[in-house]
PDB file of N, CA and C in Angstrom:
ATOM      1  N   MET A   1      -4.901 -32.239  83.499  1.00  0.00           N
ATOM      2  CA  MET A   1      -3.807 -32.153  82.842  1.00  0.00           C
ATOM      3  C   MET A   1      -3.416 -30.725  82.184  1.00  0.00           C
ATOM      4  N   ILE A   2      -4.319 -30.008  82.639  1.00  0.00           N
ATOM      5  CA  ILE A   2      -3.427 -28.528  82.108  1.00  0.00           C
ATOM      6  C   ILE A   2      -2.671 -28.180  83.294  1.00  0.00           C
ATOM      7  N   SER A   3      -2.936 -28.284  84.488  1.00  0.00           N
ATOM      8  CA  SER A   3      -1.648 -28.187  85.377  1.00  0.00           C
ATOM      9  C   SER A   3      -0.484 -28.816  85.067  1.00  0.00           C
ATOM     10  N   PHE A   4      -0.356 -30.026  85.198  1.00  0.00           N
ATOM     11  CA  PHE A   4       0.974 -30.725  84.386  1.00  0.00           C
ATOM     12  C   PHE A   4       1.501 -29.841  83.171  1.00  0.00           C
ATOM     13  N   SER A   5       0.721 -29.519  81.860  1.00  0.00           N
ATOM     14  CA  SER A   5       1.117 -28.714  81.012  1.00  0.00           C
ATOM     15  C   SER A   5       1.769 -27.440  81.604  1.00  0.00           C
ATOM     16  N   ILE A   6       0.951 -26.382  82.447  1.00  0.00           N
ATOM     17  CA  ILE A   6       1.706 -25.576  83.005  1.00  0.00           C
ATOM     18  C   ILE A   6       3.352 -25.944  84.021  1.00  0.00           C
ATOM     19  N   VAL A   7       3.110 -26.809  84.400  1.00  0.00           N
ATOM     20  CA  VAL A   7       4.480 -27.043  85.258  1.00  0.00           C
ATOM     21  C   VAL A   7       5.347 -27.295  83.833  1.00  0.00           C
ATOM     22  N   ILE A   8       4.758 -28.344  82.789  1.00  0.00           N
ATOM     23  CA  ILE A   8       5.733 -28.625  81.445  1.00  0.00           C
ATOM     24  C   ILE A   8       6.459 -27.175  81.117  1.00  0.00           C
ATOM     25  N   GLN A   9       5.405 -25.973  81.284  1.00  0.00           N
ATOM     26  CA  GLN A   9       5.916 -24.931  80.649  1.00  0.00           C
ATOM     27  C   GLN A   9       6.946 -24.299  81.461  1.00  0.00           C
ATOM     28  N   PHE A  10       6.699 -24.055  82.675  1.00  0.00           N
ATOM     29  CA  PHE A  10       7.663 -23.583  83.675  1.00  0.00           C
ATOM     30  C   PHE A  10       9.342 -24.177  83.291  1.00  0.00           C
ATOM     31  N   ILE A  11       9.042 -25.758  83.284  1.00  0.00           N
ATOM     32  CA  ILE A  11      10.514 -26.517  83.380  1.00  0.00           C
ATOM     33  C   ILE A  11      10.978 -25.696  82.021  1.00  0.00           C
ATOM     34  N   LEU A  12      10.229 -25.759  80.443  1.00  0.00           N
ATOM     35  CA  LEU A  12      10.577 -25.581  79.512  1.00  0.00           C
ATOM     36  C   LEU A  12      11.265 -24.112  79.443  1.00  0.00           C
ATOM     37  N   THR A  13      10.855 -23.038  79.956  1.00  0.00           N
ATOM     38  CA  THR A  13      10.974 -21.817  79.973  1.00  0.00           C
ATOM     39  C   THR A  13      12.652 -21.712  80.650  1.00  0.00           C
ATOM     40  N   ALA A  14      12.614 -22.406  82.013  1.00  0.00           N
ATOM     41  CA  ALA A  14      13.958 -22.556  82.687  1.00  0.00           C
ATOM     42  C   ALA A  14      15.424 -23.240  81.706  1.00  0.00           C
ATOM     43  N   ILE A  15      14.802 -24.537  80.938  1.00  0.00           N
ATOM     44  CA  ILE A  15      15.687 -25.048  80.082  1.00  0.00           C
ATOM     45  C   ILE A  15      16.115 -24.158  78.652  1.00  0.00           C
ATOM     46  N   LEU A  16      15.116 -23.266  78.221  1.00  0.00           N
ATOM     47  CA  LEU A  16      15.040 -22.647  77.190  1.00  0.00           C
ATOM     48  C   LEU A  16      16.139 -21.498  77.228  1.00  0.00           C
ATOM     49  N   THR A  17      15.920 -20.403  78.568  1.00  0.00           N
ATOM     50  CA  THR A  17      16.549 -19.352  78.924  1.00  0.00           C
ATOM     51  C   THR A  17      17.825 -20.239  79.532  1.00  0.00           C
ATOM     52  N   LEU A  18      18.606 -20.834  79.909  1.00  0.00           N
ATOM     53  CA  LEU A  18      19.687 -21.599  80.424  1.00  0.00           C
ATOM     54  C   LEU A  18      20.590 -21.953  78.797  1.00  0.00           C
ATOM     55  N   ALA A  19      19.482 -22.697  78.291  1.00  0.00           N
ATOM     56  CA  ALA A  19      20.204 -22.657  76.484  1.00  0.00           C
ATOM     57  C   ALA A  19      20.860 -21.683  75.912  1.00  0.00           C
ATOM     58  N   VAL A  20      19.822 -20.628  76.129  1.00  0.00           N
ATOM     59  CA  VAL A  20      20.439 -19.523  74.967  1.00  0.00           C
ATOM     60  C   VAL A  20      21.712 -18.897  75.832  1.00  0.00           C
ATOM     61  N   LEU A  21      21.368 -18.646  77.290  1.00  0.00           N
ATOM     62  CA  LEU A  21      22.635 -18.053  78.084  1.00  0.00           C
ATOM     63  C   LEU A  21      23.803 -18.812  77.918  1.00  0.00           C
ATOM     64  N   LEU A  22      23.573 -19.533  77.613  1.00  0.00           N
ATOM     65  CA  LEU A  22      24.747 -20.797  77.692  1.00  0.00           C
ATOM     66  C   LEU A  22      25.925 -20.585  76.040  1.00  0.00           C
ATOM     67  N   GLN A  23      25.043 -20.197  75.229  1.00  0.00           N
ATOM     68  CA  GLN A  23      25.605 -19.897  74.001  1.00  0.00           C
ATOM     69  C   GLN A  23      26.663 -18.703  73.611  1.00  0.00           C
ATOM     70  N   LYS A  24      27.637 -19.053  72.894  1.00  0.00           N
ATOM     71  CA  LYS A  24      28.453 -18.207  72.595  1.00  0.00           C
ATOM     72  C   LYS A  24      28.083 -17.287  72.235  1.00  0.00           C
ATOM     73  N   SER A  25      28.108 -15.629  72.437  1.00  0.00           N
ATOM     74  CA  SER A  25      27.894 -14.542  71.779  1.00  0.00           C
ATOM     75  C   SER A  25      28.908 -13.734  71.293  1.00  0.00           C
ATOM     76  N   SER A  26      28.901 -12.530  70.745  1.00  0.00           N
ATOM     77  CA  SER A  26      29.791 -11.485  70.955  1.00  0.00           C
ATOM     78  C   SER A  26      30.709 -11.138  71.922  1.00  0.00           C
ATOM     79  N   SER A  27      29.809 -11.227  72.912  1.00  0.00           N
ATOM     80  CA  SER A  27      30.090 -10.769  74.687  1.00  0.00           C
ATOM     81  C   SER A  27      30.430 -12.308  75.238  1.00  0.00           C
ATOM     82  N   ILE A  28      31.475 -12.300  76.173  1.00  0.00           N
ATOM     83  CA  ILE A  28      31.599 -13.864  76.386  1.00  0.00           C
ATOM     84  C   ILE A  28      30.173 -14.207  77.381  1.00  0.00           C
ATOM     85  N   GLY A  29      29.525 -13.833  78.013  1.00  0.00           N
ATOM     86  CA  GLY A  29      28.396 -14.162  78.947  1.00  0.00           C
ATOM     87  C   GLY A  29      28.687 -15.362  79.551  1.00  0.00           C
ATOM     88  N   LEU A  30      27.441 -16.180  79.776  1.00  0.00           N
ATOM     89  CA  LEU A  30      27.575 -17.332  80.496  1.00  0.00           C
ATOM     90  C   LEU A  30      28.305 -18.836  79.587  1.00  0.00           C
ATOM     91  N   GLY A  31      28.156 -18.115  78.411  1.00  0.00           N
ATOM     92  CA  GLY A  31      29.200 -18.926  77.467  1.00  0.00           C
ATOM     93  C   GLY A  31      30.838 -19.832  78.303  1.00  0.00           C
ATOM     94  N   ALA A  32      31.279 -19.007  78.870  1.00  0.00           N
ATOM     95  CA  ALA A  32      32.628 -19.115  79.889  1.00  0.00           C
ATOM     96  C   ALA A  32      32.259 -19.928  80.264  1.00  0.00           C
ATOM     97  N   TYR A  33      31.217 -20.661  81.015  1.00  0.00           N
ATOM     98  CA  TYR A  33      31.226 -21.816  82.084  1.00  0.00           C
ATOM     99  C   TYR A  33      30.599 -22.925  81.351  1.00  0.00           C
ATOM    100  N   SER A  34      30.213 -22.870  79.991  1.00  0.00           N
ATOM    101  CA  SER A  34      29.951 -24.417  79.360  1.00  0.00           C
ATOM    102  C   SER A  34      31.155 -25.303  78.968  1.00  0.00           C
ATOM    103  N   GLY A  35      32.515 -24.802  79.396  1.00  0.00           N
ATOM    104  CA  GLY A  35      33.533 -25.759  79.235  1.00  0.00           C
ATOM    105  C   GLY A  35      34.394 -25.902  78.372  1.00  0.00           C
ATOM    106  N   SER A  36      35.651 -26.092  78.094  1.00  0.00           N
ATOM    107  CA  SER A  36      36.433 -25.820  76.771  1.00  0.00           C
ATOM    108  C   SER A  36      36.932 -27.067  76.440  1.00  0.00           C
ATOM    109  N   ASN A  37      36.403 -28.209  76.801  1.00  0.00           N
ATOM    110  CA  ASN A  37      36.644 -29.564  76.148  1.00  0.00           C
ATOM    111  C   ASN A  37      35.611 -29.883  74.956  1.00  0.00           C
ATOM    112  N   GLU A  38      36.350 -29.683  73.975  1.00  0.00           N
ATOM    113  CA  GLU A  38      35.446 -29.459  72.525  1.00  0.00           C
ATOM    114  C   GLU A  38      35.362 -31.136  71.949  1.00  0.00           C
ATOM    115  N   SER A  39      35.875 -31.997  72.639  1.00  0.00           N
ATOM    116  CA  SER A  39      35.840 -33.515  72.184  1.00  0.00           C
ATOM    117  C   SER A  39      34.455 -34.104  72.291  1.00  0.00           C
ATOM    118  N   VAL A  40      33.750 -33.618  73.189  1.00  0.00           N
ATOM    119  CA  VAL A  40      32.782 -34.309  73.960  1.00  0.00           C
ATOM    120  C   VAL A  40      31.199 -34.007  73.038  1.00  0.00           C
ATOM    121  N   PHE A  41      31.357 -32.970  72.387  1.00  0.00           N
ATOM    122  CA  PHE A  41      30.597 -32.530  71.499  1.00  0.00           C
ATOM    123  C   PHE A  41      30.980 -32.270  69.781  1.00  0.00           C
ATOM    124  N   GLY A  42      32.241 -32.964  69.352  1.00  0.00           N
ATOM    125  CA  GLY A  42      32.603 -32.856  68.524  1.00  0.00           C
ATOM    126  C   GLY A  42      33.484 -31.548  68.177  1.00  0.00           C
ATOM    127  N   ALA A  43      33.873 -31.686  66.896  1.00  0.00           N
ATOM    128  CA  ALA A  43      34.704 -30.672  66.208  1.00  0.00           C
ATOM    129  C   ALA A  43      34.433 -29.337  66.274  1.00  0.00           C
ATOM    130  N   LYS A  44      33.113 -29.058  66.586  1.00  0.00           N
ATOM    131  CA  LYS A  44      32.756 -27.699  66.442  1.00  0.00           C
ATOM    132  C   LYS A  44      32.534 -27.010  67.739  1.00  0.00           C
ATOM    133  N   GLY A  45      32.534 -27.943  68.877  1.00  0.00           N
ATOM    134  CA  GLY A  45      32.363 -27.460  70.265  1.00  0.00           C
ATOM    135  C   GLY A  45      30.779 -27.912  70.897  1.00  0.00           C
ATOM    136  N   PRO A  46      30.454 -27.137  71.799  1.00  0.00           N
ATOM    137  CA  PRO A  46      29.323 -27.032  72.419  1.00  0.00           C
ATOM    138  C   PRO A  46      28.336 -26.166  71.287  1.00  0.00           C
ATOM    139  N   ALA A  47      29.071 -25.686  70.377  1.00  0.00           N
ATOM    140  CA  ALA A  47      27.923 -24.177  69.968  1.00  0.00           C
ATOM    141  C   ALA A  47      26.975 -25.118  68.813  1.00  0.00           C
ATOM    142  N   GLY A  48      27.168 -26.015  68.522  1.00  0.00           N
ATOM    143  CA  GLY A  48      26.286 -26.984  67.087  1.00  0.00           C
ATOM    144  C   GLY A  48      25.376 -27.872  68.217  1.00  0.00           C
ATOM    145  N   PHE A  49      25.847 -28.764  69.094  1.00  0.00           N
ATOM    146  CA  PHE A  49      24.836 -29.238  70.282  1.00  0.00           C
ATOM    147  C   PHE A  49      24.154 -27.851  70.955  1.00  0.00           C
ATOM    148  N   LEU A  50      24.508 -27.106  71.243  1.00  0.00           N
ATOM    149  CA  LEU A  50      23.464 -26.007  71.807  1.00  0.00           C
ATOM    150  C   LEU A  50      22.475 -25.603  71.008  1.00  0.00           C
ATOM    151  N   THR A  51      23.013 -25.057  69.855  1.00  0.00           N
ATOM    152  CA  THR A  51      21.965 -24.487  68.895  1.00  0.00           C
ATOM    153  C   THR A  51      20.902 -25.564  68.495  1.00  0.00           C
ATOM    154  N   LYS A  52      21.296 -27.054  68.641  1.00  0.00           N
ATOM    155  CA  LYS A  52      20.449 -27.981  68.229  1.00  0.00           C
ATOM    156  C   LYS A  52      19.278 -28.168  69.374  1.00  0.00           C
ATOM    157  N   ALA A  53      19.942 -28.181  70.384  1.00  0.00           N
ATOM    158  CA  ALA A  53      19.048 -28.387  71.878  1.00  0.00           C
ATOM    159  C   ALA A  53      18.009 -27.353  72.017  1.00  0.00           C
ATOM    160  N   THR A  54      18.547 -26.016  71.306  1.00  0.00           N
ATOM    161  CA  THR A  54      17.916 -24.625  72.247  1.00  0.00           C
ATOM    162  C   THR A  54      16.696 -24.921  71.009  1.00  0.00           C
ATOM    163  N   PHE A  55      17.083 -25.149  69.681  1.00  0.00           N
ATOM    164  CA  PHE A  55      15.906 -25.472  68.654  1.00  0.00           C
ATOM    165  C   PHE A  55      14.765 -26.847  69.480  1.00  0.00           C
ATOM    166  N   ALA A  56      15.198 -27.529  69.717  1.00  0.00           N
ATOM    167  CA  ALA A  56      14.348 -28.720  69.963  1.00  0.00           C
ATOM    168  C   ALA A  56      13.391 -27.845  71.259  1.00  0.00           C
ATOM    169  N   VAL A  57      14.130 -27.433  72.198  1.00  0.00           N
ATOM    170  CA  VAL A  57      13.307 -26.904  73.695  1.00  0.00           C
ATOM    171  C   VAL A  57      12.333 -25.760  72.949  1.00  0.00           C
ATOM    172  N   GLY A  58      12.856 -25.124  71.864  1.00  0.00           N
ATOM    173  CA  GLY A  58      11.998 -23.768  71.414  1.00  0.00           C
ATOM    174  C   GLY A  58      10.884 -24.553  70.967  1.00  0.00           C
ATOM    175  N   VAL A  59      10.790 -25.743  69.953  1.00  0.00           N
ATOM    176  CA  VAL A  59       9.654 -26.116  69.092  1.00  0.00           C
ATOM    177  C   VAL A  59       8.782 -26.519  70.539  1.00  0.00           C
ATOM    178  N   LEU A  60       9.459 -27.344  71.458  1.00  0.00           N
ATOM    179  CA  LEU A  60       8.333 -27.942  72.340  1.00  0.00           C
ATOM    180  C   LEU A  60       7.909 -26.833  73.247  1.00  0.00           C
ATOM    181  N   PHE A  61       8.182 -25.846  73.448  1.00  0.00           N
ATOM    182  CA  PHE A  61       7.911 -24.923  74.039  1.00  0.00           C
ATOM    183  C   PHE A  61       6.851 -23.943  73.341  1.00  0.00           C
ATOM    184  N   ILE A  62       6.756 -24.084  71.712  1.00  0.00           N
ATOM    185  CA  ILE A  62       5.408 -23.319  70.967  1.00  0.00           C
ATOM    186  C   ILE A  62       4.589 -24.755  71.222  1.00  0.00           C
ATOM    187  N   ILE A  63       4.916 -25.955  70.772  1.00  0.00           N
ATOM    188  CA  ILE A  63       3.803 -26.705  70.842  1.00  0.00           C
ATOM    189  C   ILE A  63       3.304 -27.052  72.291  1.00  0.00           C
ATOM    190  N   ASN A  64       3.657 -26.529  72.939  1.00  0.00           N
ATOM    191  CA  ASN A  64       2.903 -26.600  74.741  1.00  0.00           C
ATOM    192  C   ASN A  64       2.271 -25.517  75.100  1.00  0.00           C
ATOM    193  N   THR A  65       2.773 -24.341  74.346  1.00  0.00           N
ATOM    194  CA  THR A  65       2.417 -22.921  74.359  1.00  0.00           C
ATOM    195  C   THR A  65       0.691 -23.279  73.776  1.00  0.00           C
ATOM    196  N   VAL A  66       1.072 -23.534  72.302  1.00  0.00           N
ATOM    197  CA  VAL A  66      -0.392 -23.748  71.640  1.00  0.00           C
ATOM    198  C   VAL A  66      -1.324 -24.559  71.994  1.00  0.00           C
ATOM    199  N   PHE A  67      -0.835 -25.890  72.681  1.00  0.00           N
ATOM    200  CA  PHE A  67      -1.683 -26.808  73.681  1.00  0.00           C
ATOM    201  C   PHE A  67      -2.473 -26.028  74.470  1.00  0.00           C
ATOM    202  N   LEU A  68      -1.736 -25.062  75.510  1.00  0.00           N
ATOM    203  CA  LEU A  68      -2.011 -24.482  76.738  1.00  0.00           C
ATOM    204  C   LEU A  68      -3.246 -23.625  76.269  1.00  0.00           C
ATOM    205  N   THR A  69      -3.249 -22.692  75.110  1.00  0.00           N
ATOM    206  CA  THR A  69      -4.011 -21.833  74.516  1.00  0.00           C
ATOM    207  C   THR A  69      -5.137 -22.338  73.972  1.00  0.00           C
ATOM    208  N   TYR A  70      -5.103 -23.444  73.519  1.00  0.00           N
ATOM    209  CA  TYR A  70      -6.194 -24.012  72.822  1.00  0.00           C
ATOM    210  C   TYR A  70      -6.974 -25.003  74.346  1.00  0.00           C
ATOM    211  N   SER A  71      -6.560 -25.386  75.199  1.00  0.00           N
ATOM    212  CA  SER A  71      -7.253 -25.663  76.296  1.00  0.00           C
ATOM    213  C   SER A  71      -7.889 -24.637  77.156  1.00  0.00           C
ATOM    214  N   PHE A  72      -7.331 -23.626  77.396  1.00  0.00           N
ATOM    215  CA  PHE A  72      -7.831 -22.675  78.203  1.00  0.00           C
ATOM    216  C   PHE A  72      -9.051 -21.947  77.319  1.00  0.00           C
ATOM    217  N   ASN A  73      -9.121 -21.789  76.060  1.00  0.00           N
ATOM    218  CA  ASN A  73     -10.088 -21.333  75.361  1.00  0.00           C
ATOM    219  C   ASN A  73     -11.260 -22.268  75.238  1.00  0.00           C
ATOM    220  N   LYS A  74     -10.951 -23.756  75.149  1.00  0.00           N
ATOM    221  CA  LYS A  74     -11.989 -24.661  75.150  1.00  0.00           C
ATOM    222  C   LYS A  74     -12.629 -24.807  76.360  1.00  0.00           C
ATOM    223  N   GLU A  75     -12.034 -24.320  77.639  1.00  0.00           N
ATOM    224  CA  GLU A  75     -12.354 -24.553  79.119  1.00  0.00           C
ATOM    225  C   GLU A  75     -13.642 -22.902  79.201  1.00  0.00           C
ATOM    226  N   LYS A  76     -13.095 -22.083  78.548  1.00  0.00           N
ATOM    227  CA  LYS A  76     -13.680 -20.811  78.682  1.00  0.00           C
ATOM    228  C   LYS A  76     -14.340 -20.338  77.362  1.00  0.00           C
ATOM    229  N   ASN A  77     -15.373 -20.800  77.426  1.00  0.00           N
ATOM    230  CA  ASN A  77     -16.453 -20.204  75.806  1.00  0.00           C
ATOM    231  C   ASN A  77     -16.590 -18.929  75.892  1.00  0.00           C
ATOM    232  N   LYS A  78     -16.982 -18.178  76.858  1.00  0.00           N
ATOM    233  CA  LYS A  78     -17.166 -17.146  77.070  1.00  0.00           C
ATOM    234  C   LYS A  78     -15.906 -16.104  76.955  1.00  0.00           C
ATOM    235  N   SER A  79     -16.386 -15.002  76.309  1.00  0.00           N
ATOM    236  CA  SER A  79     -15.024 -13.801  76.321  1.00  0.00           C
ATOM    237  C   SER A  79     -15.078 -12.862  77.726  1.00  0.00           C
ATOM    238  N   VAL A  80     -14.435 -12.019  78.292  1.00  0.00           N
ATOM    239  CA  VAL A  80     -14.724 -11.253  79.573  1.00  0.00           C
ATOM    240  C   VAL A  80     -15.607 -10.354  78.613  1.00  0.00           C
ATOM    241  N   ILE A  81     -15.781  -9.659  77.421  1.00  0.00           N
ATOM    242  CA  ILE A  81     -16.101  -8.533  76.723  1.00  0.00           C
ATOM    243  C   ILE A  81     -18.156  -9.133  76.992  1.00  0.00           C
ATOM    244  N   ASP A  82     -18.390 -10.372  77.079  1.00  0.00           N
ATOM    245  CA  ASP A  82     -19.785 -10.963  77.063  1.00  0.00           C
ATOM    246  C   ASP A  82     -20.449 -10.413  78.493  1.00  0.00           C
ATOM    247  N   SER A  83     -19.607 -10.579  79.375  1.00  0.00           N
ATOM    248  CA  SER A  83     -20.192 -10.207  80.891  1.00  0.00           C
ATOM    249  C   SER A  83     -20.231  -9.008  81.348  1.00  0.00           C
ATOM    250  N   VAL A  84     -19.803  -7.626  80.528  1.00  0.00           N
ATOM    251  CA  VAL A  84     -19.803  -6.105  80.411  1.00  0.00           C
ATOM    252  C   VAL A  84     -21.090  -5.867  80.029  1.00  0.00           C
ATOM    253  N   LYS A  85     -21.299  -5.028  81.332  1.00  0.00           N
ATOM    254  CA  LYS A  85     -23.107  -4.719  81.044  1.00  0.00           C
ATOM    255  C   LYS A  85     -22.985  -3.538  80.451  1.00  0.00           C
ATOM    256  N   VAL A  86     -23.773  -3.015  79.402  1.00  0.00           N
ATOM    257  CA  VAL A  86     -23.653  -1.769  78.621  1.00  0.00           C
ATOM    258  C   VAL A  86     -24.824  -1.249  78.922  1.00  0.00           C
ATOM    259  N   LEU A  87     -24.860  -0.083  79.154  1.00  0.00           N
ATOM    260  CA  LEU A  87     -25.350   0.924  79.449  1.00  0.00           C
ATOM    261  C   LEU A  87     -25.907   1.805  78.340  1.00  0.00           C
ATOM    262  N   THR A  88     -27.142   2.003  77.742  1.00  0.00           N
ATOM    263  CA  THR A  88     -27.696   3.230  77.013  1.00  0.00           C
ATOM    264  C   THR A  88     -27.859   4.299  77.487  1.00  0.00           C
ATOM    265  N   PRO A  89     -27.537   5.483  76.809  1.00  0.00           N
ATOM    266  CA  PRO A  89     -27.918   7.041  77.103  1.00  0.00           C
ATOM    267  C   PRO A  89     -28.947   7.294  78.001  1.00  0.00           C
ATOM    268  N   THR A  90     -29.661   6.110  78.101  1.00  0.00           N
ATOM    269  CA  THR A  90     -31.697   7.010  78.824  1.00  0.00           C
ATOM    270  C   THR A  90     -31.709   6.114  80.043  1.00  0.00           C
ATOM    271  N   GLN A  91     -30.333   5.260  80.180  1.00  0.00           N
ATOM    272  CA  GLN A  91     -30.548   4.684  81.690  1.00  0.00           C
ATOM    273  C   GLN A  91     -29.344   5.506  82.366  1.00  0.00           C
ATOM    274  N   ASN A  92     -28.613   5.876  81.793  1.00  0.00           N
ATOM    275  CA  ASN A  92     -27.598   7.139  82.614  1.00  0.00           C
ATOM    276  C   ASN A  92     -28.465   7.978  83.206  1.00  0.00           C
ATOM    277  N   ILE A  93     -29.356   8.662  82.628  1.00  0.00           N
ATOM    278  CA  ILE A  93     -30.134   9.974  83.368  1.00  0.00           C
ATOM    279  C   ILE A  93     -30.747   9.142  84.506  1.00  0.00           C
ATOM    280  N   PRO A  94     -30.527  10.219  85.838  1.00  0.00           N
ATOM    281  CA  PRO A  94     -31.196   9.634  86.859  1.00  0.00           C
ATOM    282  C   PRO A  94     -32.826  10.290  86.922  1.00  0.00           C
ATOM    283  N   ALA A  95     -33.274   9.477  87.636  1.00  0.00           N
ATOM    284  CA  ALA A  95     -34.987   9.694  87.726  1.00  0.00           C
ATOM    285  C   ALA A  95     -35.068  10.881  88.931  1.00  0.00           C
ATOM    286  N   LYS A  96     -36.141  11.666  88.297  1.00  0.00           N
ATOM    287  CA  LYS A  96     -36.465  12.685  89.240  1.00  0.00           C
ATOM    288  C   LYS A  96     -37.483  12.459  89.946  1.00  0.00           C
TER     289      LYS A  96
END
């Protein structure tokens, strides 16, 4: 299940990155490649659709991230700090 979630996380990352890059910004960016036919997406063009799609993919990304965090934390009950050996000052003095 964790492996499947990691694959989904990579897919969501790629989709989210593309959705952000395709949006119009102050500079033209990759938004020039999204097309100019505004009738497919309505009167506002692809801006409204891409904004909603970006929000939806972002929410899915956050939910999957929380699930992965919970799964890894549940699987590993010990912290890395628990495995560190602590030396007291008396243990550091070499014996003569």
